[in-house]
Amino acid sequence: MNEDKKEILEEEGEKILLTDENGVESEFELIGSAELKGNQYFACVPSDSKDSEYLEYVILKLVIEDGEEILVSVDDDDEFEDVADYFDDALADEIDLDANN
């Protein structure tokens, strides 16, 4: 997902509707947020992930473009790895990333 519209994210468990580059809308649930190196990141899972054997989450970065807040995918490999490591550590205590209970 490249440029996804952001609704206000206030707390974990909040549902957001994201639109991908093809105009397809999908509902996600916020499972974590973090400010790292001056940037705000969000970890979200698809709302239908409860049917999945494994819990996979997406990482989105908040950017301001033309005065509007949007969520974008993290394209830089090093930046993505740093943020993914942070969320993996932070979420490991709260959820089992290998199995969705």
PDB file of N, CA and C in Angstrom:
ATOM      1  N   MET A   1       0.843  -1.177   0.000  1.00  0.00           N
ATOM      2  CA  MET A   1       0.000   0.000   0.000  1.00  0.00           C
ATOM      3  C   MET A   1       0.881   1.230   0.000  1.00  0.00           C
ATOM      4  N   ASN A   2       0.681   2.071  -0.939  1.00  0.00           N
ATOM      5  CA  ASN A   2       1.516   3.251  -1.013  1.00  0.00           C
ATOM      6  C   ASN A   2       0.944   4.401  -0.220  1.00  0.00           C
ATOM      7  N   GLU A   3      -0.039   5.073  -0.714  1.00  0.00           N
ATOM      8  CA  GLU A   3      -0.582   6.223  -0.013  1.00  0.00           C
ATOM      9  C   GLU A   3      -1.977   5.891   0.475  1.00  0.00           C
ATOM     10  N   ASP A   4      -2.111   5.704   1.760  1.00  0.00           N
ATOM     11  CA  ASP A   4      -3.379   5.339   2.350  1.00  0.00           C
ATOM     12  C   ASP A   4      -3.874   6.481   3.205  1.00  0.00           C
ATOM     13  N   LYS A   5      -5.140   6.807   3.062  1.00  0.00           N
ATOM     14  CA  LYS A   5      -5.698   7.882   3.867  1.00  0.00           C
ATOM     15  C   LYS A   5      -5.730   7.451   5.319  1.00  0.00           C
ATOM     16  N   LYS A   6      -5.422   8.379   6.202  1.00  0.00           N
ATOM     17  CA  LYS A   6      -5.369   8.115   7.629  1.00  0.00           C
ATOM     18  C   LYS A   6      -6.593   8.691   8.306  1.00  0.00           C
ATOM     19  N   GLU A   7      -7.258   7.869   9.069  1.00  0.00           N
ATOM     20  CA  GLU A   7      -8.257   8.387   9.983  1.00  0.00           C
ATOM     21  C   GLU A   7      -7.538   8.569  11.308  1.00  0.00           C
ATOM     22  N   ILE A   8      -8.092   9.334  12.205  1.00  0.00           N
ATOM     23  CA  ILE A   8      -7.432   9.602  13.480  1.00  0.00           C
ATOM     24  C   ILE A   8      -7.272   8.291  14.248  1.00  0.00           C
ATOM     25  N   LEU A   9      -6.022   8.005  14.630  1.00  0.00           N
ATOM     26  CA  LEU A   9      -5.718   6.800  15.395  1.00  0.00           C
ATOM     27  C   LEU A   9      -5.501   7.206  16.840  1.00  0.00           C
ATOM     28  N   GLU A  10      -6.416   6.818  17.703  1.00  0.00           N
ATOM     29  CA  GLU A  10      -6.316   7.238  19.090  1.00  0.00           C
ATOM     30  C   GLU A  10      -5.820   6.148  20.017  1.00  0.00           C
ATOM     31  N   GLU A  11      -6.214   4.911  19.767  1.00  0.00           N
ATOM     32  CA  GLU A  11      -5.809   3.855  20.685  1.00  0.00           C
ATOM     33  C   GLU A  11      -5.771   2.521  19.969  1.00  0.00           C
ATOM     34  N   GLU A  12      -5.027   1.595  20.568  1.00  0.00           N
ATOM     35  CA  GLU A  12      -4.932   0.263  19.996  1.00  0.00           C
ATOM     36  C   GLU A  12      -6.315  -0.358  19.920  1.00  0.00           C
ATOM     37  N   GLY A  13      -6.538  -1.145  18.892  1.00  0.00           N
ATOM     38  CA  GLY A  13      -7.825  -1.788  18.688  1.00  0.00           C
ATOM     39  C   GLY A  13      -8.756  -0.971  17.811  1.00  0.00           C
ATOM     40  N   GLU A  14      -8.364   0.266  17.541  1.00  0.00           N
ATOM     41  CA  GLU A  14      -9.198   1.116  16.700  1.00  0.00           C
ATOM     42  C   GLU A  14      -9.170   0.605  15.268  1.00  0.00           C
ATOM     43  N   LYS A  15     -10.296   0.676  14.598  1.00  0.00           N
ATOM     44  CA  LYS A  15     -10.409   0.252  13.203  1.00  0.00           C
ATOM     45  C   LYS A  15     -10.147   1.445  12.291  1.00  0.00           C
ATOM     46  N   ILE A  16      -9.422   1.183  11.219  1.00  0.00           N
ATOM     47  CA  ILE A  16      -9.185   2.214  10.215  1.00  0.00           C
ATOM     48  C   ILE A  16      -9.457   1.621   8.833  1.00  0.00           C
ATOM     49  N   LEU A  17      -9.866   2.455   7.931  1.00  0.00           N
ATOM     50  CA  LEU A  17     -10.114   2.050   6.559  1.00  0.00           C
ATOM     51  C   LEU A  17      -8.990   2.612   5.696  1.00  0.00           C
ATOM     52  N   LEU A  18      -8.261   1.720   5.030  1.00  0.00           N
ATOM     53  CA  LEU A  18      -7.139   2.126   4.187  1.00  0.00           C
ATOM     54  C   LEU A  18      -7.479   1.870   2.725  1.00  0.00           C
ATOM     55  N   THR A  19      -7.037   2.762   1.871  1.00  0.00           N
ATOM     56  CA  THR A  19      -7.258   2.638   0.435  1.00  0.00           C
ATOM     57  C   THR A  19      -5.909   2.448  -0.243  1.00  0.00           C
ATOM     58  N   ASP A  20      -5.757   1.357  -1.005  1.00  0.00           N
ATOM     59  CA  ASP A  20      -4.472   1.111  -1.658  1.00  0.00           C
ATOM     60  C   ASP A  20      -4.368   1.890  -2.963  1.00  0.00           C
ATOM     61  N   GLU A  21      -3.237   1.732  -3.643  1.00  0.00           N
ATOM     62  CA  GLU A  21      -2.979   2.501  -4.859  1.00  0.00           C
ATOM     63  C   GLU A  21      -3.951   2.175  -5.993  1.00  0.00           C
ATOM     64  N   ASN A  22      -4.672   1.055  -5.878  1.00  0.00           N
ATOM     65  CA  ASN A  22      -5.666   0.676  -6.888  1.00  0.00           C
ATOM     66  C   ASN A  22      -7.077   1.106  -6.506  1.00  0.00           C
ATOM     67  N   GLY A  23      -7.208   1.806  -5.379  1.00  0.00           N
ATOM     68  CA  GLY A  23      -8.519   2.266  -4.938  1.00  0.00           C
ATOM     69  C   GLY A  23      -9.301   1.241  -4.145  1.00  0.00           C
ATOM     70  N   VAL A  24      -8.678   0.124  -3.798  1.00  0.00           N
ATOM     71  CA  VAL A  24      -9.352  -0.926  -3.033  1.00  0.00           C
ATOM     72  C   VAL A  24      -9.267  -0.594  -1.551  1.00  0.00           C
ATOM     73  N   GLU A  25     -10.422  -0.590  -0.893  1.00  0.00           N
ATOM     74  CA  GLU A  25     -10.467  -0.282   0.536  1.00  0.00           C
ATOM     75  C   GLU A  25     -10.433  -1.571   1.354  1.00  0.00           C
ATOM     76  N   SER A  26      -9.682  -1.527   2.454  1.00  0.00           N
ATOM     77  CA  SER A  26      -9.590  -2.661   3.382  1.00  0.00           C
ATOM     78  C   SER A  26      -9.611  -2.120   4.799  1.00  0.00           C
ATOM     79  N   GLU A  27     -10.256  -2.871   5.693  1.00  0.00           N
ATOM     80  CA  GLU A  27     -10.319  -2.458   7.086  1.00  0.00           C
ATOM     81  C   GLU A  27      -9.174  -3.103   7.862  1.00  0.00           C
ATOM     82  N   PHE A  28      -8.501  -2.299   8.693  1.00  0.00           N
ATOM     83  CA  PHE A  28      -7.395  -2.754   9.513  1.00  0.00           C
ATOM     84  C   PHE A  28      -7.656  -2.375  10.964  1.00  0.00           C
ATOM     85  N   GLU A  29      -6.992  -3.095  11.860  1.00  0.00           N
ATOM     86  CA  GLU A  29      -7.067  -2.795  13.282  1.00  0.00           C
ATOM     87  C   GLU A  29      -5.687  -2.399  13.772  1.00  0.00           C
ATOM     88  N   LEU A  30      -5.617  -1.287  14.494  1.00  0.00           N
ATOM     89  CA  LEU A  30      -4.353  -0.810  15.053  1.00  0.00           C
ATOM     90  C   LEU A  30      -3.939  -1.703  16.219  1.00  0.00           C
ATOM     91  N   ILE A  31      -2.698  -2.216  16.160  1.00  0.00           N
ATOM     92  CA  ILE A  31      -2.205  -3.039  17.262  1.00  0.00           C
ATOM     93  C   ILE A  31      -1.021  -2.398  17.970  1.00  0.00           C
ATOM     94  N   GLY A  32      -0.477  -1.330  17.413  1.00  0.00           N
ATOM     95  CA  GLY A  32       0.622  -0.650  18.068  1.00  0.00           C
ATOM     96  C   GLY A  32       1.033   0.595  17.315  1.00  0.00           C
ATOM     97  N   SER A  33       1.673   1.508  18.037  1.00  0.00           N
ATOM     98  CA  SER A  33       2.208   2.712  17.412  1.00  0.00           C
ATOM     99  C   SER A  33       3.520   3.053  18.104  1.00  0.00           C
ATOM    100  N   ALA A  34       4.368   3.774  17.381  1.00  0.00           N
ATOM    101  CA  ALA A  34       5.671   4.131  17.940  1.00  0.00           C
ATOM    102  C   ALA A  34       6.195   5.374  17.241  1.00  0.00           C
ATOM    103  N   GLU A  35       6.929   6.172  18.006  1.00  0.00           N
ATOM    104  CA  GLU A  35       7.666   7.284  17.416  1.00  0.00           C
ATOM    105  C   GLU A  35       9.136   6.906  17.488  1.00  0.00           C
ATOM    106  N   LEU A  36       9.755   6.793  16.325  1.00  0.00           N
ATOM    107  CA  LEU A  36      11.157   6.405  16.225  1.00  0.00           C
ATOM    108  C   LEU A  36      11.877   7.374  15.306  1.00  0.00           C
ATOM    109  N   LYS A  37      12.987   7.914  15.774  1.00  0.00           N
ATOM    110  CA  LYS A  37      13.818   8.832  14.983  1.00  0.00           C
ATOM    111  C   LYS A  37      12.989   9.964  14.383  1.00  0.00           C
ATOM    112  N   GLY A  38      12.040  10.460  15.169  1.00  0.00           N
ATOM    113  CA  GLY A  38      11.238  11.598  14.734  1.00  0.00           C
ATOM    114  C   GLY A  38      10.088  11.276  13.802  1.00  0.00           C
ATOM    115  N   ASN A  39       9.848  10.016  13.526  1.00  0.00           N
ATOM    116  CA  ASN A  39       8.754   9.600  12.652  1.00  0.00           C
ATOM    117  C   ASN A  39       7.738   8.782  13.437  1.00  0.00           C
ATOM    118  N   GLN A  40       6.475   8.866  13.048  1.00  0.00           N
ATOM    119  CA  GLN A  40       5.401   8.106  13.690  1.00  0.00           C
ATOM    120  C   GLN A  40       5.062   6.906  12.811  1.00  0.00           C
ATOM    121  N   TYR A  41       5.021   5.718  13.434  1.00  0.00           N
ATOM    122  CA  TYR A  41       4.721   4.469  12.733  1.00  0.00           C
ATOM    123  C   TYR A  41       3.544   3.773  13.405  1.00  0.00           C
ATOM    124  N   PHE A  42       2.814   2.991  12.610  1.00  0.00           N
ATOM    125  CA  PHE A  42       1.679   2.239  13.113  1.00  0.00           C
ATOM    126  C   PHE A  42       1.776   0.800  12.633  1.00  0.00           C
ATOM    127  N   ALA A  43       1.474  -0.128  13.522  1.00  0.00           N
ATOM    128  CA  ALA A  43       1.385  -1.538  13.164  1.00  0.00           C
ATOM    129  C   ALA A  43      -0.100  -1.888  13.140  1.00  0.00           C
ATOM    130  N   CYS A  44      -0.532  -2.452  12.028  1.00  0.00           N
ATOM    131  CA  CYS A  44      -1.947  -2.772  11.850  1.00  0.00           C
ATOM    132  C   CYS A  44      -2.092  -4.178  11.285  1.00  0.00           C
ATOM    133  N   VAL A  45      -3.200  -4.820  11.628  1.00  0.00           N
ATOM    134  CA  VAL A  45      -3.533  -6.124  11.060  1.00  0.00           C
ATOM    135  C   VAL A  45      -4.848  -6.000  10.311  1.00  0.00           C
ATOM    136  N   PRO A  46      -4.987  -6.765   9.230  1.00  0.00           N
ATOM    137  CA  PRO A  46      -6.272  -6.764   8.542  1.00  0.00           C
ATOM    138  C   PRO A  46      -7.364  -7.244   9.501  1.00  0.00           C
ATOM    139  N   SER A  47      -8.519  -6.622   9.444  1.00  0.00           N
ATOM    140  CA  SER A  47      -9.609  -6.982  10.360  1.00  0.00           C
ATOM    141  C   SER A  47     -10.045  -8.426  10.195  1.00  0.00           C
ATOM    142  N   ASP A  48      -9.845  -8.989   9.012  1.00  0.00           N
ATOM    143  CA  ASP A  48     -10.238 -10.381   8.788  1.00  0.00           C
ATOM    144  C   ASP A  48      -9.126 -11.366   9.148  1.00  0.00           C
ATOM    145  N   SER A  49      -8.068 -10.911   9.826  1.00  0.00           N
ATOM    146  CA  SER A  49      -6.929 -11.781  10.157  1.00  0.00           C
ATOM    147  C   SER A  49      -7.272 -12.822  11.207  1.00  0.00           C
ATOM    148  N   LYS A  50      -8.420 -12.678  11.877  1.00  0.00           N
ATOM    149  CA  LYS A  50      -8.803 -13.672  12.882  1.00  0.00           C
ATOM    150  C   LYS A  50      -9.007 -15.043  12.254  1.00  0.00           C
ATOM    151  N   ASP A  51      -9.258 -15.064  10.947  1.00  0.00           N
ATOM    152  CA  ASP A  51      -9.460 -16.328  10.241  1.00  0.00           C
ATOM    153  C   ASP A  51      -8.145 -16.947   9.786  1.00  0.00           C
ATOM    154  N   SER A  52      -7.058 -16.224   9.974  1.00  0.00           N
ATOM    155  CA  SER A  52      -5.754 -16.652   9.494  1.00  0.00           C
ATOM    156  C   SER A  52      -5.022 -17.456  10.569  1.00  0.00           C
ATOM    157  N   GLU A  53      -4.223 -18.417  10.127  1.00  0.00           N
ATOM    158  CA  GLU A  53      -3.424 -19.217  11.061  1.00  0.00           C
ATOM    159  C   GLU A  53      -2.296 -18.392  11.669  1.00  0.00           C
ATOM    160  N   TYR A  54      -1.713 -17.498  10.879  1.00  0.00           N
ATOM    161  CA  TYR A  54      -0.611 -16.669  11.345  1.00  0.00           C
ATOM    162  C   TYR A  54      -1.021 -15.206  11.340  1.00  0.00           C
ATOM    163  N   LEU A  55      -0.572 -14.492  12.349  1.00  0.00           N
ATOM    164  CA  LEU A  55      -0.865 -13.069  12.442  1.00  0.00           C
ATOM    165  C   LEU A  55       0.266 -12.292  11.768  1.00  0.00           C
ATOM    166  N   GLU A  56      -0.060 -11.653  10.657  1.00  0.00           N
ATOM    167  CA  GLU A  56       0.908 -10.810   9.964  1.00  0.00           C
ATOM    168  C   GLU A  56       0.407  -9.388  10.051  1.00  0.00           C
ATOM    169  N   TYR A  57       1.319  -8.472  10.365  1.00  0.00           N
ATOM    170  CA  TYR A  57       0.910  -7.087  10.461  1.00  0.00           C
ATOM    171  C   TYR A  57       1.656  -6.251   9.438  1.00  0.00           C
ATOM    172  N   VAL A  58       1.070  -5.100   9.118  1.00  0.00           N
ATOM    173  CA  VAL A  58       1.702  -4.166   8.205  1.00  0.00           C
ATOM    174  C   VAL A  58       2.192  -2.967   9.006  1.00  0.00           C
ATOM    175  N   ILE A  59       3.252  -2.365   8.521  1.00  0.00           N
ATOM    176  CA  ILE A  59       3.808  -1.175   9.157  1.00  0.00           C
ATOM    177  C   ILE A  59       3.580   0.003   8.221  1.00  0.00           C
ATOM    178  N   LEU A  60       2.986   1.044   8.765  1.00  0.00           N
ATOM    179  CA  LEU A  60       2.716   2.249   7.996  1.00  0.00           C
ATOM    180  C   LEU A  60       3.357   3.442   8.684  1.00  0.00           C
ATOM    181  N   LYS A  61       3.799   4.392   7.886  1.00  0.00           N
ATOM    182  CA  LYS A  61       4.467   5.592   8.382  1.00  0.00           C
ATOM    183  C   LYS A  61       3.571   6.798   8.118  1.00  0.00           C
ATOM    184  N   LEU A  62       3.435   7.654   9.110  1.00  0.00           N
ATOM    185  CA  LEU A  62       2.649   8.871   8.975  1.00  0.00           C
ATOM    186  C   LEU A  62       3.512   9.954   8.338  1.00  0.00           C
ATOM    187  N   VAL A  63       3.035  10.508   7.245  1.00  0.00           N
ATOM    188  CA  VAL A  63       3.722  11.624   6.595  1.00  0.00           C
ATOM    189  C   VAL A  63       2.695  12.710   6.309  1.00  0.00           C
ATOM    190  N   ILE A  64       3.195  13.922   6.154  1.00  0.00           N
ATOM    191  CA  ILE A  64       2.323  15.035   5.794  1.00  0.00           C
ATOM    192  C   ILE A  64       2.647  15.418   4.364  1.00  0.00           C
ATOM    193  N   GLU A  65       1.630  15.351   3.528  1.00  0.00           N
ATOM    194  CA  GLU A  65       1.792  15.654   2.116  1.00  0.00           C
ATOM    195  C   GLU A  65       0.714  16.648   1.717  1.00  0.00           C
ATOM    196  N   ASP A  66       1.121  17.793   1.215  1.00  0.00           N
ATOM    197  CA  ASP A  66       0.184  18.863   0.838  1.00  0.00           C
ATOM    198  C   ASP A  66      -0.711  19.254   2.011  1.00  0.00           C
ATOM    199  N   GLY A  67      -0.132  19.259   3.220  1.00  0.00           N
ATOM    200  CA  GLY A  67      -0.862  19.654   4.414  1.00  0.00           C
ATOM    201  C   GLY A  67      -1.822  18.606   4.950  1.00  0.00           C
ATOM    202  N   GLU A  68      -1.810  17.416   4.371  1.00  0.00           N
ATOM    203  CA  GLU A  68      -2.719  16.350   4.781  1.00  0.00           C
ATOM    204  C   GLU A  68      -1.930  15.170   5.339  1.00  0.00           C
ATOM    205  N   GLU A  69      -2.399  14.600   6.450  1.00  0.00           N
ATOM    206  CA  GLU A  69      -1.747  13.420   7.023  1.00  0.00           C
ATOM    207  C   GLU A  69      -2.169  12.186   6.236  1.00  0.00           C
ATOM    208  N   ILE A  70      -1.168  11.411   5.795  1.00  0.00           N
ATOM    209  CA  ILE A  70      -1.452  10.153   5.114  1.00  0.00           C
ATOM    210  C   ILE A  70      -0.530   9.077   5.670  1.00  0.00           C
ATOM    211  N   LEU A  71      -0.934   7.840   5.497  1.00  0.00           N
ATOM    212  CA  LEU A  71      -0.110   6.696   5.877  1.00  0.00           C
ATOM    213  C   LEU A  71       0.477   6.110   4.610  1.00  0.00           C
ATOM    214  N   VAL A  72       1.770   5.811   4.677  1.00  0.00           N
ATOM    215  CA  VAL A  72       2.454   5.223   3.534  1.00  0.00           C
ATOM    216  C   VAL A  72       3.232   4.000   3.986  1.00  0.00           C
ATOM    217  N   SER A  73       3.481   3.112   3.041  1.00  0.00           N
ATOM    218  CA  SER A  73       4.322   1.966   3.351  1.00  0.00           C
ATOM    219  C   SER A  73       5.763   2.442   3.498  1.00  0.00           C
ATOM    220  N   VAL A  74       6.548   1.677   4.224  1.00  0.00           N
ATOM    221  CA  VAL A  74       7.958   2.010   4.442  1.00  0.00           C
ATOM    222  C   VAL A  74       8.757   1.289   3.363  1.00  0.00           C
ATOM    223  N   ASP A  75       9.269   2.064   2.415  1.00  0.00           N
ATOM    224  CA  ASP A  75       9.958   1.475   1.266  1.00  0.00           C
ATOM    225  C   ASP A  75      11.459   1.270   1.480  1.00  0.00           C
ATOM    226  N   ASP A  76      12.069   2.057   2.361  1.00  0.00           N
ATOM    227  CA  ASP A  76      13.497   1.924   2.632  1.00  0.00           C
ATOM    228  C   ASP A  76      13.738   0.659   3.466  1.00  0.00           C
ATOM    229  N   ASP A  77      14.558  -0.248   2.956  1.00  0.00           N
ATOM    230  CA  ASP A  77      14.783  -1.539   3.623  1.00  0.00           C
ATOM    231  C   ASP A  77      15.351  -1.398   5.031  1.00  0.00           C
ATOM    232  N   ASP A  78      16.343  -0.520   5.208  1.00  0.00           N
ATOM    233  CA  ASP A  78      16.954  -0.342   6.527  1.00  0.00           C
ATOM    234  C   ASP A  78      15.957   0.249   7.519  1.00  0.00           C
ATOM    235  N   GLU A  79      15.215   1.254   7.076  1.00  0.00           N
ATOM    236  CA  GLU A  79      14.198   1.859   7.933  1.00  0.00           C
ATOM    237  C   GLU A  79      13.142   0.831   8.309  1.00  0.00           C
ATOM    238  N   PHE A  80      12.701   0.039   7.327  1.00  0.00           N
ATOM    239  CA  PHE A  80      11.689  -0.981   7.589  1.00  0.00           C
ATOM    240  C   PHE A  80      12.190  -1.998   8.608  1.00  0.00           C
ATOM    241  N   GLU A  81      13.424  -2.462   8.440  1.00  0.00           N
ATOM    242  CA  GLU A  81      13.986  -3.453   9.369  1.00  0.00           C
ATOM    243  C   GLU A  81      14.057  -2.912  10.795  1.00  0.00           C
ATOM    244  N   ASP A  82      14.479  -1.658  10.949  1.00  0.00           N
ATOM    245  CA  ASP A  82      14.547  -1.041  12.280  1.00  0.00           C
ATOM    246  C   ASP A  82      13.171  -0.984  12.937  1.00  0.00           C
ATOM    247  N   VAL A  83      12.178  -0.541  12.172  1.00  0.00           N
ATOM    248  CA  VAL A  83      10.823  -0.408  12.713  1.00  0.00           C
ATOM    249  C   VAL A  83      10.219  -1.787  12.977  1.00  0.00           C
ATOM    250  N   ALA A  84      10.427  -2.731  12.070  1.00  0.00           N
ATOM    251  CA  ALA A  84       9.909  -4.089  12.255  1.00  0.00           C
ATOM    252  C   ALA A  84      10.522  -4.738  13.492  1.00  0.00           C
ATOM    253  N   ASP A  85      11.820  -4.555  13.698  1.00  0.00           N
ATOM    254  CA  ASP A  85      12.468  -5.101  14.902  1.00  0.00           C
ATOM    255  C   ASP A  85      11.845  -4.501  16.159  1.00  0.00           C
ATOM    256  N   TYR A  86      11.594  -3.190  16.128  1.00  0.00           N
ATOM    257  CA  TYR A  86      10.978  -2.539  17.278  1.00  0.00           C
ATOM    258  C   TYR A  86       9.604  -3.143  17.564  1.00  0.00           C
ATOM    259  N   PHE A  87       8.756  -3.231  16.541  1.00  0.00           N
ATOM    260  CA  PHE A  87       7.409  -3.764  16.749  1.00  0.00           C
ATOM    261  C   PHE A  87       7.443  -5.245  17.122  1.00  0.00           C
ATOM    262  N   ASP A  88       8.339  -6.024  16.523  1.00  0.00           N
ATOM    263  CA  ASP A  88       8.438  -7.438  16.894  1.00  0.00           C
ATOM    264  C   ASP A  88       8.731  -7.583  18.382  1.00  0.00           C
ATOM    265  N   ASP A  89       9.679  -6.786  18.887  1.00  0.00           N
ATOM    266  CA  ASP A  89      10.011  -6.831  20.313  1.00  0.00           C
ATOM    267  C   ASP A  89       8.856  -6.342  21.174  1.00  0.00           C
ATOM    268  N   ALA A  90       8.250  -5.227  20.778  1.00  0.00           N
ATOM    269  CA  ALA A  90       7.181  -4.627  21.570  1.00  0.00           C
ATOM    270  C   ALA A  90       5.929  -5.500  21.592  1.00  0.00           C
ATOM    271  N   LEU A  91       5.626  -6.144  20.481  1.00  0.00           N
ATOM    272  CA  LEU A  91       4.395  -6.929  20.388  1.00  0.00           C
ATOM    273  C   LEU A  91       4.569  -8.361  20.869  1.00  0.00           C
ATOM    274  N   ALA A  92       5.802  -8.828  20.974  1.00  0.00           N
ATOM    275  CA  ALA A  92       6.047 -10.215  21.379  1.00  0.00           C
ATOM    276  C   ALA A  92       5.448 -10.520  22.748  1.00  0.00           C
ATOM    277  N   ASP A  93       5.446  -9.543  23.649  1.00  0.00           N
ATOM    278  CA  ASP A  93       4.895  -9.764  24.981  1.00  0.00           C
ATOM    279  C   ASP A  93       3.374  -9.798  24.975  1.00  0.00           C
ATOM    280  N   GLU A  94       2.755  -9.144  23.996  1.00  0.00           N
ATOM    281  CA  GLU A  94       1.315  -9.029  23.989  1.00  0.00           C
ATOM    282  C   GLU A  94       0.614 -10.049  23.118  1.00  0.00           C
ATOM    283  N   ILE A  95       1.239 -10.439  21.998  1.00  0.00           N
ATOM    284  CA  ILE A  95       0.597 -11.378  21.085  1.00  0.00           C
ATOM    285  C   ILE A  95       1.603 -12.413  20.624  1.00  0.00           C
ATOM    286  N   ASP A  96       1.110 -13.549  20.220  1.00  0.00           N
ATOM    287  CA  ASP A  96       1.939 -14.582  19.631  1.00  0.00           C
ATOM    288  C   ASP A  96       1.905 -14.362  18.133  1.00  0.00           C
ATOM    289  N   LEU A  97       3.013 -13.895  17.558  1.00  0.00           N
ATOM    290  CA  LEU A  97       3.054 -13.592  16.138  1.00  0.00           C
ATOM    291  C   LEU A  97       3.009 -14.838  15.275  1.00  0.00           C
ATOM    292  N   ASP A  98       3.258 -16.029  15.848  1.00  0.00           N
ATOM    293  CA  ASP A  98       3.244 -17.255  15.071  1.00  0.00           C
ATOM    294  C   ASP A  98       1.886 -17.914  15.021  1.00  0.00           C
ATOM    295  N   ALA A  99       1.007 -17.542  15.916  1.00  0.00           N
ATOM    296  CA  ALA A  99      -0.319 -18.159  15.931  1.00  0.00           C
ATOM    297  C   ALA A  99      -1.324 -17.158  16.455  1.00  0.00           C
ATOM    298  N   ASN A 100      -2.441 -17.100  15.817  1.00  0.00           N
ATOM    299  CA  ASN A 100      -3.499 -16.197  16.231  1.00  0.00           C
ATOM    300  C   ASN A 100      -4.463 -16.974  17.116  1.00  0.00           C
ATOM    301  N   ASN A 101      -4.499 -16.630  18.396  1.00  0.00           N
ATOM    302  CA  ASN A 101      -5.345 -17.375  19.348  1.00  0.00           C
ATOM    303  C   ASN A 101      -6.766 -16.944  19.262  1.00  0.00           C
TER     304      ASN A 101
END
